[in-house]
Amino acid sequence: MSRVAVVHSFILPGRCEAASRLHFARTLARRAERRLVELSADIAVRQVLMRYINRLSDCLYALARAEDHDAHQRHIINEVTRRYLASTYPSTIKESSMSLSFQELHQLIRSAVARAEELHVPVVISIVDGKRHANRDLADARRVAGQQRTGAQKSLDRRGHEIRHP
């Protein structure tokens, strides 16, 4: 309960279905607890049963609050991610110019780094479009390209063999 905010109102926010259902289950547990109190006026009810039903409603309350908090955190993360991705992609389509903007270069490098990290492969990333260029070396990456007579770098596969491009 220490990771969720303190409640200052009677009405609790319902940010997801799971939290709603847990709050509903708590309502049913509280109703059962009230019925046990009424029943205890007429017959002897074991105190362990009274404590159990009370602790059950407390547990359901804590679970509902935690689920509600987690759903709110997921919503915030998704919204921030959505806004960030929307701001990194230009809304207008570029004309037929072949140059890349800083945002496009940045996004290409980020995508390549993310994929390389997923595959656990250290890579060297170079993007060149005639006007701008960007390089990024990941840790433990080695440059494996050599110079041809034209000055262009040749591409090598994992074994170091040259990849011929048509």
C-alpha atoms as a PDB file:
ATOM      1  CA  MET A   1       0.000   0.000   0.000  1.00  0.00           C
ATOM      2  CA  SER A   2       2.997   2.297   0.337  1.00  0.00           C
ATOM      3  CA  ARG A   3       3.283   2.692  -3.452  1.00  0.00           C
ATOM      4  CA  VAL A   4      -0.256   3.990  -3.962  1.00  0.00           C
ATOM      5  CA  ALA A   5      -1.444   7.499  -3.225  1.00  0.00           C
ATOM      6  CA  VAL A   6      -3.361   8.305  -0.054  1.00  0.00           C
ATOM      7  CA  VAL A   7      -7.131   8.483  -0.552  1.00  0.00           C
ATOM      8  CA  HIS A   8      -8.787  11.719   0.585  1.00  0.00           C
ATOM      9  CA  SER A   9     -12.282  10.943  -0.691  1.00  0.00           C
ATOM     10  CA  PHE A  10     -14.909   8.280  -0.336  1.00  0.00           C
ATOM     11  CA  ILE A  11     -15.269   7.672  -4.066  1.00  0.00           C
ATOM     12  CA  LEU A  12     -12.347   5.736  -5.517  1.00  0.00           C
ATOM     13  CA  PRO A  13     -11.273   6.119  -9.132  1.00  0.00           C
ATOM     14  CA  GLY A  14     -11.936   3.145 -11.365  1.00  0.00           C
ATOM     15  CA  ARG A  15      -9.234   3.094 -14.014  1.00  0.00           C
ATOM     16  CA  CYS A  16      -9.555  -0.528 -15.099  1.00  0.00           C
ATOM     17  CA  GLU A  17     -11.951  -3.450 -15.049  1.00  0.00           C
ATOM     18  CA  ALA A  18      -9.779  -5.570 -12.745  1.00  0.00           C
ATOM     19  CA  ALA A  19      -9.806  -2.883 -10.039  1.00  0.00           C
ATOM     20  CA  SER A  20     -13.575  -2.497 -10.443  1.00  0.00           C
ATOM     21  CA  ARG A  21     -14.136  -6.198  -9.990  1.00  0.00           C
ATOM     22  CA  LEU A  22     -11.880  -6.297  -6.937  1.00  0.00           C
ATOM     23  CA  HIS A  23     -13.795  -3.367  -5.391  1.00  0.00           C
ATOM     24  CA  PHE A  24     -17.036  -5.232  -6.124  1.00  0.00           C
ATOM     25  CA  ALA A  25     -15.660  -8.383  -4.465  1.00  0.00           C
ATOM     26  CA  ARG A  26     -14.724  -6.250  -1.459  1.00  0.00           C
ATOM     27  CA  THR A  27     -18.299  -4.952  -1.319  1.00  0.00           C
ATOM     28  CA  LEU A  28     -19.566  -8.531  -1.191  1.00  0.00           C
ATOM     29  CA  ALA A  29     -17.052  -9.426   1.542  1.00  0.00           C
ATOM     30  CA  ARG A  30     -18.146  -6.398   3.601  1.00  0.00           C
ATOM     31  CA  ARG A  31     -21.796  -7.426   3.153  1.00  0.00           C
ATOM     32  CA  ALA A  32     -20.935 -10.941   4.390  1.00  0.00           C
ATOM     33  CA  GLU A  33     -19.108  -9.401   7.350  1.00  0.00           C
ATOM     34  CA  ARG A  34     -22.191  -7.357   8.295  1.00  0.00           C
ATOM     35  CA  ARG A  35     -24.373 -10.477   8.053  1.00  0.00           C
ATOM     36  CA  LEU A  36     -21.966 -12.342  10.346  1.00  0.00           C
ATOM     37  CA  VAL A  37     -22.180  -9.519  12.889  1.00  0.00           C
ATOM     38  CA  GLU A  38     -25.997  -9.743  12.752  1.00  0.00           C
ATOM     39  CA  LEU A  39     -25.817 -13.531  13.067  1.00  0.00           C
ATOM     40  CA  SER A  40     -23.445 -13.293  16.041  1.00  0.00           C
ATOM     41  CA  ALA A  41     -26.207 -11.508  17.986  1.00  0.00           C
ATOM     42  CA  ASP A  42     -28.323 -14.696  17.807  1.00  0.00           C
ATOM     43  CA  ILE A  43     -25.777 -17.527  17.809  1.00  0.00           C
ATOM     44  CA  ALA A  44     -22.107 -17.977  18.638  1.00  0.00           C
ATOM     45  CA  VAL A  45     -19.846 -17.233  15.659  1.00  0.00           C
ATOM     46  CA  ARG A  46     -16.166 -18.121  15.873  1.00  0.00           C
ATOM     47  CA  GLN A  47     -13.969 -15.032  16.191  1.00  0.00           C
ATOM     48  CA  VAL A  48     -11.442 -16.472  13.751  1.00  0.00           C
ATOM     49  CA  LEU A  49     -14.164 -16.381  11.082  1.00  0.00           C
ATOM     50  CA  MET A  50     -14.940 -12.742  11.898  1.00  0.00           C
ATOM     51  CA  ARG A  51     -11.235 -11.819  11.653  1.00  0.00           C
ATOM     52  CA  TYR A  52     -10.850 -13.793   8.415  1.00  0.00           C
ATOM     53  CA  ILE A  53     -13.728 -12.051   6.628  1.00  0.00           C
ATOM     54  CA  ASN A  54     -12.460  -8.665   7.825  1.00  0.00           C
ATOM     55  CA  ARG A  55      -8.927  -9.399   6.591  1.00  0.00           C
ATOM     56  CA  LEU A  56     -10.353 -10.656   3.299  1.00  0.00           C
ATOM     57  CA  SER A  57     -12.091  -7.340   2.669  1.00  0.00           C
ATOM     58  CA  ASP A  58      -8.872  -5.485   3.618  1.00  0.00           C
ATOM     59  CA  CYS A  59      -6.882  -7.646   1.207  1.00  0.00           C
ATOM     60  CA  LEU A  60      -9.352  -7.072  -1.634  1.00  0.00           C
ATOM     61  CA  TYR A  61      -9.181  -3.331  -0.975  1.00  0.00           C
ATOM     62  CA  ALA A  62      -5.371  -3.332  -1.136  1.00  0.00           C
ATOM     63  CA  LEU A  63      -5.373  -5.412  -4.331  1.00  0.00           C
ATOM     64  CA  ALA A  64      -7.935  -3.119  -5.966  1.00  0.00           C
ATOM     65  CA  ARG A  65      -5.924  -0.016  -5.075  1.00  0.00           C
ATOM     66  CA  ALA A  66      -2.692  -1.583  -6.375  1.00  0.00           C
ATOM     67  CA  GLU A  67      -4.354  -2.667  -9.624  1.00  0.00           C
ATOM     68  CA  ASP A  68      -5.862   0.786 -10.046  1.00  0.00           C
ATOM     69  CA  HIS A  69      -2.453   2.405  -9.463  1.00  0.00           C
ATOM     70  CA  ASP A  70      -0.731   0.059 -11.936  1.00  0.00           C
ATOM     71  CA  ALA A  71      -3.383   0.729 -14.590  1.00  0.00           C
ATOM     72  CA  HIS A  72      -2.911   4.467 -14.116  1.00  0.00           C
ATOM     73  CA  GLN A  73       0.875   4.113 -14.457  1.00  0.00           C
ATOM     74  CA  ARG A  74       0.481   2.029 -17.649  1.00  0.00           C
ATOM     75  CA  HIS A  75      -1.860   4.671 -19.059  1.00  0.00           C
ATOM     76  CA  ILE A  76       0.626   7.468 -18.335  1.00  0.00           C
ATOM     77  CA  ILE A  77       3.518   5.510 -19.887  1.00  0.00           C
ATOM     78  CA  ASN A  78       1.481   4.709 -23.005  1.00  0.00           C
ATOM     79  CA  GLU A  79       0.365   8.323 -23.385  1.00  0.00           C
ATOM     80  CA  VAL A  80       3.886   9.729 -22.985  1.00  0.00           C
ATOM     81  CA  THR A  81       5.217   7.162 -25.473  1.00  0.00           C
ATOM     82  CA  ARG A  82       2.451   7.966 -27.947  1.00  0.00           C
ATOM     83  CA  ARG A  83       3.118  11.704 -27.700  1.00  0.00           C
ATOM     84  CA  TYR A  84       6.874  11.238 -28.004  1.00  0.00           C
ATOM     85  CA  LEU A  85       6.560   9.030 -31.072  1.00  0.00           C
ATOM     86  CA  ALA A  86       4.085  11.461 -32.618  1.00  0.00           C
ATOM     87  CA  SER A  87       6.536  14.325 -32.105  1.00  0.00           C
ATOM     88  CA  THR A  88       9.507  12.462 -33.611  1.00  0.00           C
ATOM     89  CA  TYR A  89       7.711  11.677 -36.861  1.00  0.00           C
ATOM     90  CA  PRO A  90       7.031  14.713 -39.043  1.00  0.00           C
ATOM     91  CA  SER A  91       3.348  15.062 -39.826  1.00  0.00           C
ATOM     92  CA  THR A  92       3.914  16.160 -43.402  1.00  0.00           C
ATOM     93  CA  ILE A  93       5.310  13.907 -46.074  1.00  0.00           C
ATOM     94  CA  LYS A  94       8.518  15.219 -47.560  1.00  0.00           C
ATOM     95  CA  GLU A  95       8.703  16.020 -51.239  1.00  0.00           C
ATOM     96  CA  SER A  96      10.999  13.951 -53.370  1.00  0.00           C
ATOM     97  CA  SER A  97      14.122  15.330 -51.658  1.00  0.00           C
ATOM     98  CA  MET A  98      16.451  12.549 -50.636  1.00  0.00           C
ATOM     99  CA  SER A  99      18.053  14.267 -47.640  1.00  0.00           C
ATOM    100  CA  LEU A 100      17.132  13.095 -44.164  1.00  0.00           C
ATOM    101  CA  SER A 101      16.176  15.381 -41.307  1.00  0.00           C
ATOM    102  CA  PHE A 102      17.838  15.173 -37.914  1.00  0.00           C
ATOM    103  CA  GLN A 103      14.720  13.507 -36.513  1.00  0.00           C
ATOM    104  CA  GLU A 104      14.779  10.866 -39.259  1.00  0.00           C
ATOM    105  CA  LEU A 105      18.479  10.153 -38.682  1.00  0.00           C
ATOM    106  CA  HIS A 106      17.873   9.970 -34.929  1.00  0.00           C
ATOM    107  CA  GLN A 107      14.917   7.618 -35.387  1.00  0.00           C
ATOM    108  CA  LEU A 108      16.864   5.333 -37.749  1.00  0.00           C
ATOM    109  CA  ILE A 109      19.737   5.080 -35.291  1.00  0.00           C
ATOM    110  CA  ARG A 110      17.399   4.462 -32.344  1.00  0.00           C
ATOM    111  CA  SER A 111      15.617   1.704 -34.268  1.00  0.00           C
ATOM    112  CA  ALA A 112      18.909   0.075 -35.256  1.00  0.00           C
ATOM    113  CA  VAL A 113      20.250   0.263 -31.687  1.00  0.00           C
ATOM    114  CA  ALA A 114      17.028  -1.210 -30.272  1.00  0.00           C
ATOM    115  CA  ARG A 115      17.114  -4.111 -32.733  1.00  0.00           C
ATOM    116  CA  ALA A 116      20.826  -4.749 -32.107  1.00  0.00           C
ATOM    117  CA  GLU A 117      20.213  -4.814 -28.355  1.00  0.00           C
ATOM    118  CA  GLU A 118      17.319  -7.259 -28.820  1.00  0.00           C
ATOM    119  CA  LEU A 119      19.629  -9.557 -30.773  1.00  0.00           C
ATOM    120  CA  HIS A 120      22.552  -8.935 -28.366  1.00  0.00           C
ATOM    121  CA  VAL A 121      24.778  -8.031 -31.332  1.00  0.00           C
ATOM    122  CA  PRO A 122      27.235  -5.113 -31.073  1.00  0.00           C
ATOM    123  CA  VAL A 123      27.053  -3.084 -34.275  1.00  0.00           C
ATOM    124  CA  VAL A 124      28.431   0.024 -35.913  1.00  0.00           C
ATOM    125  CA  ILE A 125      25.698   2.124 -37.491  1.00  0.00           C
ATOM    126  CA  SER A 126      26.518   4.589 -40.271  1.00  0.00           C
ATOM    127  CA  ILE A 127      23.893   6.545 -42.179  1.00  0.00           C
ATOM    128  CA  VAL A 128      25.000   8.759 -45.058  1.00  0.00           C
ATOM    129  CA  ASP A 129      22.719  10.617 -47.468  1.00  0.00           C
ATOM    130  CA  GLY A 130      25.073  13.020 -49.215  1.00  0.00           C
ATOM    131  CA  LYS A 131      24.442  16.047 -47.010  1.00  0.00           C
ATOM    132  CA  ARG A 132      24.424  14.593 -43.534  1.00  0.00           C
ATOM    133  CA  HIS A 133      25.951  11.565 -41.945  1.00  0.00           C
ATOM    134  CA  ALA A 134      25.590   9.886 -38.578  1.00  0.00           C
ATOM    135  CA  ASN A 135      27.700   7.211 -36.892  1.00  0.00           C
ATOM    136  CA  ARG A 136      27.032   5.221 -33.754  1.00  0.00           C
ATOM    137  CA  ASP A 137      29.327   2.542 -32.314  1.00  0.00           C
ATOM    138  CA  LEU A 138      27.842   0.225 -29.692  1.00  0.00           C
ATOM    139  CA  ALA A 139      30.079  -1.153 -26.957  1.00  0.00           C
ATOM    140  CA  ASP A 140      32.329  -4.024 -28.117  1.00  0.00           C
ATOM    141  CA  ALA A 141      31.581  -3.317 -31.792  1.00  0.00           C
ATOM    142  CA  ARG A 142      34.417  -3.578 -34.313  1.00  0.00           C
ATOM    143  CA  ARG A 143      34.532  -1.872 -37.671  1.00  0.00           C
ATOM    144  CA  VAL A 144      34.917  -4.549 -40.351  1.00  0.00           C
ATOM    145  CA  ALA A 145      34.635  -2.538 -43.567  1.00  0.00           C
ATOM    146  CA  GLY A 146      37.589  -1.882 -45.898  1.00  0.00           C
ATOM    147  CA  GLN A 147      38.161   0.689 -48.646  1.00  0.00           C
ATOM    148  CA  GLN A 148      37.547  -0.064 -52.313  1.00  0.00           C
ATOM    149  CA  ARG A 149      39.097   1.984 -55.099  1.00  0.00           C
ATOM    150  CA  THR A 150      35.928   4.055 -55.407  1.00  0.00           C
ATOM    151  CA  GLY A 151      36.228   5.113 -51.786  1.00  0.00           C
ATOM    152  CA  ALA A 152      33.006   3.355 -50.788  1.00  0.00           C
ATOM    153  CA  GLN A 153      33.060   0.882 -47.932  1.00  0.00           C
ATOM    154  CA  LYS A 154      32.374  -2.753 -48.686  1.00  0.00           C
ATOM    155  CA  SER A 155      29.899  -4.736 -46.624  1.00  0.00           C
ATOM    156  CA  LEU A 156      31.045  -7.914 -44.907  1.00  0.00           C
ATOM    157  CA  ASP A 157      28.944 -10.750 -43.532  1.00  0.00           C
ATOM    158  CA  ARG A 158      29.467 -12.336 -40.092  1.00  0.00           C
ATOM    159  CA  ARG A 159      32.313 -14.540 -41.366  1.00  0.00           C
ATOM    160  CA  GLY A 160      34.101 -11.570 -42.924  1.00  0.00           C
ATOM    161  CA  HIS A 161      33.223 -12.414 -46.539  1.00  0.00           C
ATOM    162  CA  GLU A 162      32.386  -9.522 -48.830  1.00  0.00           C
ATOM    163  CA  ILE A 163      28.711  -9.055 -49.705  1.00  0.00           C
ATOM    164  CA  ARG A 164      28.443  -8.149 -53.371  1.00  0.00           C
ATOM    165  CA  HIS A 165      25.779  -5.592 -54.237  1.00  0.00           C
ATOM    166  CA  PRO A 166      24.495  -5.383 -57.838  1.00  0.00           C
END
